[in-house]
C-alpha atoms as a PDB file:
ATOM      1  CA  MET A   1     -12.491  -8.644 -10.924  1.00  0.00           C
ATOM      2  CA  GLN A   2     -11.778  -5.470 -12.842  1.00  0.00           C
ATOM      3  CA  VAL A   3     -14.195  -2.561 -12.561  1.00  0.00           C
ATOM      4  CA  GLY A   4     -15.092  -1.066 -15.946  1.00  0.00           C
ATOM      5  CA  HIS A   5     -13.992   2.458 -16.865  1.00  0.00           C
ATOM      6  CA  GLU A   6     -17.636   3.508 -17.124  1.00  0.00           C
ATOM      7  CA  TYR A   7     -18.036   2.937 -13.378  1.00  0.00           C
ATOM      8  CA  LEU A   8     -14.798   4.752 -12.537  1.00  0.00           C
ATOM      9  CA  VAL A   9     -15.893   7.952 -14.311  1.00  0.00           C
ATOM     10  CA  GLY A  10     -19.617   7.624 -13.550  1.00  0.00           C
ATOM     11  CA  THR A  11     -21.709   7.624 -10.401  1.00  0.00           C
ATOM     12  CA  THR A  12     -23.569   4.337 -10.917  1.00  0.00           C
ATOM     13  CA  PRO A  13     -22.757   1.913  -8.075  1.00  0.00           C
ATOM     14  CA  PHE A  14     -20.969  -1.294  -9.050  1.00  0.00           C
ATOM     15  CA  ALA A  15     -23.306  -4.190  -8.249  1.00  0.00           C
ATOM     16  CA  LEU A  16     -21.999  -7.585  -7.190  1.00  0.00           C
ATOM     17  CA  HIS A  17     -24.576 -10.347  -7.630  1.00  0.00           C
ATOM     18  CA  GLU A  18     -26.202 -11.390  -4.344  1.00  0.00           C
ATOM     19  CA  ILE A  19     -23.651  -9.306  -2.425  1.00  0.00           C
ATOM     20  CA  GLY A  20     -24.557  -5.649  -2.892  1.00  0.00           C
ATOM     21  CA  ALA A  21     -23.699  -2.433  -4.695  1.00  0.00           C
ATOM     22  CA  ILE A  22     -20.512  -0.469  -3.998  1.00  0.00           C
ATOM     23  CA  ARG A  23     -20.016   3.207  -4.728  1.00  0.00           C
ATOM     24  CA  SER A  24     -17.100   5.455  -5.473  1.00  0.00           C
ATOM     25  CA  PRO A  25     -17.769   8.024  -2.718  1.00  0.00           C
ATOM     26  CA  LYS A  26     -18.239  11.659  -3.594  1.00  0.00           C
ATOM     27  CA  LEU A  27     -15.648  13.958  -2.090  1.00  0.00           C
ATOM     28  CA  LYS A  28     -18.342  15.797  -0.156  1.00  0.00           C
ATOM     29  CA  THR A  29     -19.204  12.660   1.847  1.00  0.00           C
ATOM     30  CA  PHE A  30     -15.940  12.883   3.785  1.00  0.00           C
ATOM     31  CA  MET A  31     -14.635  16.397   3.044  1.00  0.00           C
ATOM     32  CA  CYS A  32     -17.783  18.448   3.678  1.00  0.00           C
ATOM     33  CA  ASP A  33     -19.544  16.853   6.638  1.00  0.00           C
ATOM     34  CA  GLU A  34     -20.496  19.887   8.735  1.00  0.00           C
ATOM     35  CA  ARG A  35     -21.432  17.590  11.617  1.00  0.00           C
ATOM     36  CA  GLY A  36     -17.816  16.457  11.836  1.00  0.00           C
ATOM     37  CA  VAL A  37     -18.878  12.798  11.979  1.00  0.00           C
ATOM     38  CA  MET A  38     -17.058  11.858   8.776  1.00  0.00           C
ATOM     39  CA  ASN A  39     -13.751  13.360   7.663  1.00  0.00           C
ATOM     40  CA  TYR A  40     -10.719  12.680   5.490  1.00  0.00           C
ATOM     41  CA  ASP A  41      -8.777  10.923   8.260  1.00  0.00           C
ATOM     42  CA  ILE A  42     -11.638   8.482   8.851  1.00  0.00           C
ATOM     43  CA  TYR A  43     -11.879   7.880   5.098  1.00  0.00           C
ATOM     44  CA  LYS A  44      -8.169   6.991   5.045  1.00  0.00           C
ATOM     45  CA  ILE A  45      -8.686   4.589   7.952  1.00  0.00           C
ATOM     46  CA  TYR A  46     -11.534   2.874   6.100  1.00  0.00           C
ATOM     47  CA  LEU A  47      -9.429   2.575   2.961  1.00  0.00           C
ATOM     48  CA  SER A  48      -6.425   1.302   4.934  1.00  0.00           C
ATOM     49  CA  THR A  49      -8.667  -1.370   6.448  1.00  0.00           C
ATOM     50  CA  ILE A  50      -9.783  -2.500   2.996  1.00  0.00           C
ATOM     51  CA  LEU A  51      -6.153  -2.635   1.810  1.00  0.00           C
ATOM     52  CA  MET A  52      -4.779  -4.269   4.951  1.00  0.00           C
ATOM     53  CA  GLU A  53      -2.119  -6.950   4.629  1.00  0.00           C
ATOM     54  CA  PRO A  54      -1.303  -9.719   7.148  1.00  0.00           C
ATOM     55  CA  LYS A  55       1.737  -7.889   8.532  1.00  0.00           C
ATOM     56  CA  SER A  56      -0.299  -4.795   9.374  1.00  0.00           C
ATOM     57  CA  PHE A  57      -3.104  -6.948  10.777  1.00  0.00           C
ATOM     58  CA  HIS A  58      -0.843  -8.692  13.269  1.00  0.00           C
ATOM     59  CA  ILE A  59       0.661  -5.384  14.362  1.00  0.00           C
ATOM     60  CA  ILE A  60      -2.665  -3.551  14.742  1.00  0.00           C
ATOM     61  CA  PHE A  61      -4.974  -6.257  16.063  1.00  0.00           C
ATOM     62  CA  ASN A  62      -2.665  -8.873  17.583  1.00  0.00           C
ATOM     63  CA  GLY A  63      -0.211  -6.527  19.258  1.00  0.00           C
ATOM     64  CA  GLN A  64       2.812  -7.858  17.381  1.00  0.00           C
ATOM     65  CA  THR A  65       5.744  -5.812  16.103  1.00  0.00           C
ATOM     66  CA  ALA A  66       7.323  -5.363  12.696  1.00  0.00           C
ATOM     67  CA  GLU A  67      10.400  -7.157  14.025  1.00  0.00           C
ATOM     68  CA  TRP A  68       8.229 -10.130  15.024  1.00  0.00           C
ATOM     69  CA  TRP A  69       6.829 -10.350  11.512  1.00  0.00           C
ATOM     70  CA  ASP A  70      10.274 -10.161   9.916  1.00  0.00           C
ATOM     71  CA  GLU A  71      11.407 -13.091  12.087  1.00  0.00           C
ATOM     72  CA  GLN A  72       8.622 -15.366  10.841  1.00  0.00           C
ATOM     73  CA  SER A  73       9.315 -17.968   8.172  1.00  0.00           C
ATOM     74  CA  ASP A  74       8.316 -17.455   4.561  1.00  0.00           C
ATOM     75  CA  ASP A  75       5.941 -20.422   4.870  1.00  0.00           C
ATOM     76  CA  PHE A  76       4.175 -18.747   7.787  1.00  0.00           C
ATOM     77  CA  LYS A  77       3.860 -15.451   5.920  1.00  0.00           C
ATOM     78  CA  LYS A  78       2.446 -17.168   2.842  1.00  0.00           C
ATOM     79  CA  SER A  79      -0.066 -19.060   4.984  1.00  0.00           C
ATOM     80  CA  GLN A  80      -1.614 -15.869   6.378  1.00  0.00           C
ATOM     81  CA  ASP A  81      -4.941 -15.333   4.662  1.00  0.00           C
ATOM     82  CA  MET A  82      -6.545 -11.905   5.100  1.00  0.00           C
ATOM     83  CA  THR A  83     -10.083 -13.278   4.961  1.00  0.00           C
ATOM     84  CA  ALA A  84      -9.462 -15.657   7.852  1.00  0.00           C
ATOM     85  CA  LEU A  85      -7.540 -13.004   9.782  1.00  0.00           C
ATOM     86  CA  ALA A  86     -10.225 -10.348   9.294  1.00  0.00           C
ATOM     87  CA  LEU A  87     -12.873 -12.639  10.784  1.00  0.00           C
ATOM     88  CA  SER A  88     -10.693 -13.904  13.640  1.00  0.00           C
ATOM     89  CA  ASN A  89     -10.779 -10.830  15.860  1.00  0.00           C
ATOM     90  CA  PRO A  90     -13.842  -8.921  17.155  1.00  0.00           C
ATOM     91  CA  ASN A  91     -12.031  -5.586  16.752  1.00  0.00           C
ATOM     92  CA  SER A  92     -11.099  -6.285  13.140  1.00  0.00           C
ATOM     93  CA  ILE A  93     -14.642  -7.446  12.416  1.00  0.00           C
ATOM     94  CA  ARG A  94     -15.885  -4.112  13.710  1.00  0.00           C
ATOM     95  CA  ALA A  95     -13.307  -2.243  11.619  1.00  0.00           C
ATOM     96  CA  TYR A  96     -14.346  -4.014   8.411  1.00  0.00           C
ATOM     97  CA  GLU A  97     -18.005  -3.622   9.284  1.00  0.00           C
ATOM     98  CA  GLU A  98     -17.618   0.163   9.491  1.00  0.00           C
ATOM     99  CA  ALA A  99     -15.510   0.342   6.327  1.00  0.00           C
ATOM    100  CA  PHE A 100     -17.921  -1.811   4.296  1.00  0.00           C
ATOM    101  CA  ASP A 101     -20.857   0.183   5.637  1.00  0.00           C
ATOM    102  CA  PHE A 102     -19.334   3.389   4.257  1.00  0.00           C
ATOM    103  CA  PHE A 103     -18.567   2.084   0.773  1.00  0.00           C
ATOM    104  CA  PHE A 104     -21.693  -0.031   0.221  1.00  0.00           C
ATOM    105  CA  ILE A 105     -25.006   1.528  -0.786  1.00  0.00           C
ATOM    106  CA  ASP A 106     -26.956  -0.627   1.676  1.00  0.00           C
ATOM    107  CA  LYS A 107     -26.091  -0.878   5.359  1.00  0.00           C
ATOM    108  CA  VAL A 108     -23.610  -3.569   6.350  1.00  0.00           C
ATOM    109  CA  LYS A 109     -23.287  -5.504   9.591  1.00  0.00           C
ATOM    110  CA  TYR A 110     -21.626  -8.717  10.714  1.00  0.00           C
ATOM    111  CA  SER A 111     -23.842 -11.711  11.439  1.00  0.00           C
ATOM    112  CA  GLU A 112     -22.396 -13.892  14.175  1.00  0.00           C
ATOM    113  CA  GLU A 113     -24.991 -16.511  13.373  1.00  0.00           C
ATOM    114  CA  HIS A 114     -23.789 -16.918   9.793  1.00  0.00           C
ATOM    115  CA  GLU A 115     -20.188 -15.773  10.392  1.00  0.00           C
ATOM    116  CA  LEU A 116     -20.230 -13.338   7.492  1.00  0.00           C
ATOM    117  CA  PHE A 117     -21.152  -9.758   6.631  1.00  0.00           C
ATOM    118  CA  ILE A 118     -24.696  -9.090   5.433  1.00  0.00           C
ATOM    119  CA  THR A 119     -26.284  -6.086   3.756  1.00  0.00           C
ATOM    120  CA  PHE A 120     -29.750  -4.658   4.314  1.00  0.00           C
ATOM    121  CA  ASN A 121     -31.644  -1.525   3.293  1.00  0.00           C
ATOM    122  CA  GLY A 122     -33.723  -0.978   6.425  1.00  0.00           C
ATOM    123  CA  GLU A 123     -36.862  -2.794   5.279  1.00  0.00           C
ATOM    124  CA  THR A 124     -38.364  -5.399   7.626  1.00  0.00           C
ATOM    125  CA  ASP A 125     -40.576  -8.449   7.176  1.00  0.00           C
ATOM    126  CA  GLU A 126     -43.906  -9.209   8.874  1.00  0.00           C
ATOM    127  CA  SER A 127     -42.061 -10.240  12.044  1.00  0.00           C
ATOM    128  CA  ASP A 128     -40.178  -6.923  12.085  1.00  0.00           C
ATOM    129  CA  ASN A 129     -36.902  -8.633  11.204  1.00  0.00           C
ATOM    130  CA  LEU A 130     -34.505  -6.857   8.848  1.00  0.00           C
ATOM    131  CA  ILE A 131     -34.689  -8.159   5.294  1.00  0.00           C
ATOM    132  CA  VAL A 132     -31.233  -9.227   4.139  1.00  0.00           C
ATOM    133  CA  THR A 133     -30.405  -7.839   0.668  1.00  0.00           C
ATOM    134  CA  GLY A 134     -26.990  -9.422   0.233  1.00  0.00           C
ATOM    135  CA  ARG A 135     -24.176 -11.399   1.806  1.00  0.00           C
ATOM    136  CA  ILE A 136     -20.388 -11.213   1.635  1.00  0.00           C
ATOM    137  CA  PRO A 137     -19.303 -14.844   1.797  1.00  0.00           C
ATOM    138  CA  LYS A 138     -15.731 -15.682   2.722  1.00  0.00           C
ATOM    139  CA  GLU A 139     -14.844 -16.728  -0.814  1.00  0.00           C
ATOM    140  CA  ASN A 140     -15.807 -13.248  -2.092  1.00  0.00           C
ATOM    141  CA  PHE A 141     -14.195 -11.222   0.697  1.00  0.00           C
ATOM    142  CA  LYS A 142     -11.014 -10.361  -1.229  1.00  0.00           C
ATOM    143  CA  GLU A 143     -12.994  -9.635  -4.376  1.00  0.00           C
ATOM    144  CA  VAL A 144     -15.164  -7.135  -2.506  1.00  0.00           C
ATOM    145  CA  CYS A 145     -12.090  -5.416  -1.058  1.00  0.00           C
ATOM    146  CA  GLY A 146     -10.554  -5.279  -4.535  1.00  0.00           C
ATOM    147  CA  VAL A 147     -13.642  -3.642  -6.034  1.00  0.00           C
ATOM    148  CA  ILE A 148     -13.735  -1.054  -3.239  1.00  0.00           C
ATOM    149  CA  ALA A 149     -10.051  -0.282  -3.801  1.00  0.00           C
ATOM    150  CA  GLN A 150     -10.585   0.269  -7.534  1.00  0.00           C
ATOM    151  CA  LEU A 151     -13.581   2.539  -6.869  1.00  0.00           C
ATOM    152  CA  ASN A 152     -11.217   4.643  -4.780  1.00  0.00           C
ATOM    153  CA  GLY A 153      -8.532   5.011  -7.425  1.00  0.00           C
ATOM    154  CA  ILE A 154      -6.303   2.072  -6.429  1.00  0.00           C
ATOM    155  CA  ILE A 155      -5.928  -0.172  -9.457  1.00  0.00           C
ATOM    156  CA  THR A 156      -3.247  -2.854  -9.226  1.00  0.00           C
ATOM    157  CA  ASP A 157      -2.924  -6.534 -10.085  1.00  0.00           C
ATOM    158  CA  GLU A 158      -3.794  -7.247  -6.453  1.00  0.00           C
ATOM    159  CA  THR A 159      -7.019  -5.233  -6.444  1.00  0.00           C
ATOM    160  CA  THR A 160      -8.183  -6.363  -9.892  1.00  0.00           C
ATOM    161  CA  GLY A 161      -7.347 -10.012  -9.252  1.00  0.00           C
ATOM    162  CA  ALA A 162      -5.100 -10.160 -12.314  1.00  0.00           C
ATOM    163  CA  SER A 163      -3.376 -13.503 -12.707  1.00  0.00           C
ATOM    164  CA  LYS A 164       0.290 -13.752 -11.854  1.00  0.00           C
ATOM    165  CA  PRO A 165       2.701 -13.892 -14.822  1.00  0.00           C
ATOM    166  CA  LYS A 166       3.940 -17.273 -15.950  1.00  0.00           C
ATOM    167  CA  PHE A 167       7.675 -17.842 -16.111  1.00  0.00           C
ATOM    168  CA  LYS A 168       9.694 -20.064 -18.421  1.00  0.00           C
ATOM    169  CA  ASN A 169      11.712 -21.491 -15.551  1.00  0.00           C
ATOM    170  CA  LYS A 170      12.175 -21.381 -11.780  1.00  0.00           C
ATOM    171  CA  LYS A 171      15.224 -19.138 -12.043  1.00  0.00           C
ATOM    172  CA  ALA A 172      13.276 -16.415 -13.841  1.00  0.00           C
ATOM    173  CA  GLU A 173      10.507 -16.615 -11.237  1.00  0.00           C
ATOM    174  CA  GLU A 174      13.012 -16.281  -8.366  1.00  0.00           C
ATOM    175  CA  LEU A 175      14.667 -13.288 -10.049  1.00  0.00           C
ATOM    176  CA  MET A 176      11.332 -11.514 -10.494  1.00  0.00           C
ATOM    177  CA  ALA A 177      10.453 -12.228  -6.850  1.00  0.00           C
ATOM    178  CA  LYS A 178      13.692 -10.558  -5.739  1.00  0.00           C
ATOM    179  CA  ILE A 179      13.038  -7.536  -7.952  1.00  0.00           C
ATOM    180  CA  GLN A 180       9.485  -7.166  -6.609  1.00  0.00           C
ATOM    181  CA  LYS A 181      10.699  -7.485  -3.015  1.00  0.00           C
ATOM    182  CA  GLY A 182      13.264  -4.760  -3.627  1.00  0.00           C
ATOM    183  CA  GLN A 183      10.603  -2.498  -5.120  1.00  0.00           C
ATOM    184  CA  GLU A 184       8.359  -3.067  -2.092  1.00  0.00           C
ATOM    185  CA  GLU A 185      11.155  -2.202   0.329  1.00  0.00           C
ATOM    186  CA  ARG A 186      11.998   0.978  -1.572  1.00  0.00           C
ATOM    187  CA  SER A 187       8.365   2.040  -1.652  1.00  0.00           C
ATOM    188  CA  LYS A 188       8.045   1.472   2.103  1.00  0.00           C
ATOM    189  CA  ALA A 189      11.092   3.640   2.725  1.00  0.00           C
ATOM    190  CA  LYS A 190       9.528   6.577   0.947  1.00  0.00           C
ATOM    191  CA  LYS A 191       7.408   9.055   2.845  1.00  0.00           C
ATOM    192  CA  GLU A 192       3.814   9.598   1.809  1.00  0.00           C
ATOM    193  CA  ASP A 193       3.698  11.731  -1.332  1.00  0.00           C
ATOM    194  CA  LYS A 194       1.719  14.752  -0.180  1.00  0.00           C
ATOM    195  CA  ASN A 195       1.572  15.982  -3.781  1.00  0.00           C
ATOM    196  CA  LEU A 196      -0.807  13.132  -4.637  1.00  0.00           C
ATOM    197  CA  ALA A 197      -2.910  13.315  -1.470  1.00  0.00           C
ATOM    198  CA  LEU A 198      -6.567  14.079  -2.156  1.00  0.00           C
ATOM    199  CA  PRO A 199      -6.618  17.470  -0.366  1.00  0.00           C
ATOM    200  CA  ASN A 200      -3.695  18.693  -2.463  1.00  0.00           C
ATOM    201  CA  LEU A 201      -5.233  17.418  -5.709  1.00  0.00           C
ATOM    202  CA  ILE A 202      -8.502  19.156  -4.843  1.00  0.00           C
ATOM    203  CA  SER A 203      -6.612  22.401  -4.233  1.00  0.00           C
ATOM    204  CA  ALA A 204      -4.519  22.120  -7.408  1.00  0.00           C
ATOM    205  CA  ILE A 205      -7.429  21.202  -9.682  1.00  0.00           C
ATOM    206  CA  ALA A 206      -9.785  23.841  -8.223  1.00  0.00           C
ATOM    207  CA  SER A 207      -7.085  26.471  -8.783  1.00  0.00           C
ATOM    208  CA  ASN A 208      -6.273  25.517 -12.372  1.00  0.00           C
ATOM    209  CA  HIS A 209      -9.355  23.940 -13.941  1.00  0.00           C
ATOM    210  CA  ASN A 210     -11.501  26.102 -16.204  1.00  0.00           C
ATOM    211  CA  SER A 211     -14.781  25.095 -14.562  1.00  0.00           C
ATOM    212  CA  LEU A 212     -14.140  23.112 -11.373  1.00  0.00           C
ATOM    213  CA  ASN A 213     -13.798  25.216  -8.236  1.00  0.00           C
ATOM    214  CA  TYR A 214     -14.412  24.988  -4.492  1.00  0.00           C
ATOM    215  CA  THR A 215     -18.164  25.359  -4.960  1.00  0.00           C
ATOM    216  CA  ASN A 216     -18.603  22.296  -7.203  1.00  0.00           C
ATOM    217  CA  ILE A 217     -15.496  20.083  -7.043  1.00  0.00           C
ATOM    218  CA  TYR A 218     -16.779  18.197  -3.992  1.00  0.00           C
ATOM    219  CA  GLU A 219     -19.604  16.802  -6.132  1.00  0.00           C
ATOM    220  CA  LEU A 220     -17.035  14.643  -7.924  1.00  0.00           C
ATOM    221  CA  THR A 221     -16.424  11.065  -6.872  1.00  0.00           C
ATOM    222  CA  VAL A 222     -12.921  10.043  -5.814  1.00  0.00           C
ATOM    223  CA  THR A 223     -12.293   8.254  -9.117  1.00  0.00           C
ATOM    224  CA  GLN A 224     -13.654  11.187 -11.132  1.00  0.00           C
ATOM    225  CA  LEU A 225     -11.183  13.493  -9.396  1.00  0.00           C
ATOM    226  CA  TYR A 226      -8.275  11.181 -10.238  1.00  0.00           C
ATOM    227  CA  ASP A 227      -9.518  10.975 -13.835  1.00  0.00           C
ATOM    228  CA  VAL A 228      -9.682  14.772 -14.129  1.00  0.00           C
ATOM    229  CA  PHE A 229      -6.162  14.992 -12.700  1.00  0.00           C
ATOM    230  CA  LYS A 230      -4.790  12.514 -15.254  1.00  0.00           C
ATOM    231  CA  ARG A 231      -6.573  14.348 -18.062  1.00  0.00           C
ATOM    232  CA  MET A 232      -5.147  17.676 -16.951  1.00  0.00           C
ATOM    233  CA  GLN A 233      -1.641  16.201 -16.912  1.00  0.00           C
ATOM    234  CA  ASN A 234      -2.182  14.787 -20.389  1.00  0.00           C
ATOM    235  CA  ALA A 235      -3.552  18.127 -21.643  1.00  0.00           C
ATOM    236  CA  ILE A 236      -0.488  19.988 -20.352  1.00  0.00           C
ATOM    237  CA  ALA A 237       1.844  17.560 -22.158  1.00  0.00           C
ATOM    238  CA  PHE A 238      -0.261  17.745 -25.330  1.00  0.00           C
ATOM    239  CA  ASN A 239      -0.249  21.549 -25.329  1.00  0.00           C
ATOM    240  CA  MET A 240       3.529  21.593 -24.882  1.00  0.00           C
ATOM    241  CA  ASN A 241       3.874  19.281 -27.882  1.00  0.00           C
ATOM    242  CA  CYS A 242       1.538  21.528 -29.877  1.00  0.00           C
ATOM    243  CA  THR A 243       3.729  24.517 -29.099  1.00  0.00           C
ATOM    244  CA  GLY A 244       6.827  22.606 -30.154  1.00  0.00           C
ATOM    245  CA  VAL A 245       5.255  21.532 -33.443  1.00  0.00           C
ATOM    246  CA  SER A 246       4.016  25.044 -34.182  1.00  0.00           C
ATOM    247  CA  VAL A 247       7.550  26.410 -33.728  1.00  0.00           C
ATOM    248  CA  TRP A 248       9.770  23.660 -35.140  1.00  0.00           C
ATOM    249  CA  GLY A 249       7.327  21.691 -37.233  1.00  0.00           C
ATOM    250  CA  ASP A 250       6.821  17.935 -37.382  1.00  0.00           C
ATOM    251  CA  SER A 251       8.985  16.800 -40.287  1.00  0.00           C
ATOM    252  CA  GLU A 252       9.156  13.226 -38.959  1.00  0.00           C
ATOM    253  CA  GLY A 253       5.398  12.984 -38.503  1.00  0.00           C
ATOM    254  CA  LYS A 254       5.593  11.898 -34.865  1.00  0.00           C
ATOM    255  CA  PHE A 255       3.059  14.371 -33.474  1.00  0.00           C
ATOM    256  CA  LYS A 256      -0.223  12.670 -32.585  1.00  0.00           C
ATOM    257  CA  TYR A 257      -3.111  15.061 -33.177  1.00  0.00           C
ATOM    258  CA  ASP A 258      -5.508  12.808 -31.281  1.00  0.00           C
ATOM    259  CA  GLY A 259      -3.257  12.642 -28.208  1.00  0.00           C
ATOM    260  CA  TRP A 260      -5.554  14.869 -26.169  1.00  0.00           C
ATOM    261  CA  PHE A 261      -8.278  12.219 -25.978  1.00  0.00           C
ATOM    262  CA  LYS A 262      -6.236   8.995 -25.923  1.00  0.00           C
ATOM    263  CA  TYR A 263      -7.508   6.170 -23.689  1.00  0.00           C
ATOM    264  CA  MET A 264      -5.584   6.278 -20.426  1.00  0.00           C
ATOM    265  CA  ASN A 265      -6.852   3.346 -18.368  1.00  0.00           C
ATOM    266  CA  ASP A 266      -4.899   0.396 -19.744  1.00  0.00           C
END
């Protein structure tokens, strides 16, 4: 499921029918907690939990090693389903419970009776039992994780649930698989890009934006900050093109005067 652009730049929670509403968290919720209960490192842990893959799961929760995973057959790796894995270990259940609880509007807890996560808003019935407002069934587990990822600036085919491309023949499919595997290995070899880390983006934008500063930037949601960053990059490129056209002209008519507000979320 793909989250609409209006939710990525707005503050309205994204509601999933009979499951619950998910928010893009404001920066202040994990960057400005004076109690020290919530911070950026915890936010990253929550997001890493949501994005967890089977390899990481086995290493973190089952005590395996990366070498162990590499030795497993391709059939075994393909058979590993994150939904089943997430619900197979009490520690992982607790990890997902905390992560979901942060990103959902309502409170989230795991129900051992129903073997799924439920949401509630604190209201109780006549017997003083919590009134359940939503449920995260197993068949929607990946979808929920994908929505959370998108509302935190991570938009990929995996998080949006985009269908895999169709190939004309088996050979083409095998070639693409090799290319993708090579890209994954190269990306794993790279160190984390500190330039794109949230604290650095906050610093850069607050120092260069004409109205955002350290007194108001933390009111932005995570996805709003990324959107502002992309717009600033686009504005810099547009202004450079404007300068070039003003000096050398545009005899070939290639300059796009509406480039400053082009849609950037395809």
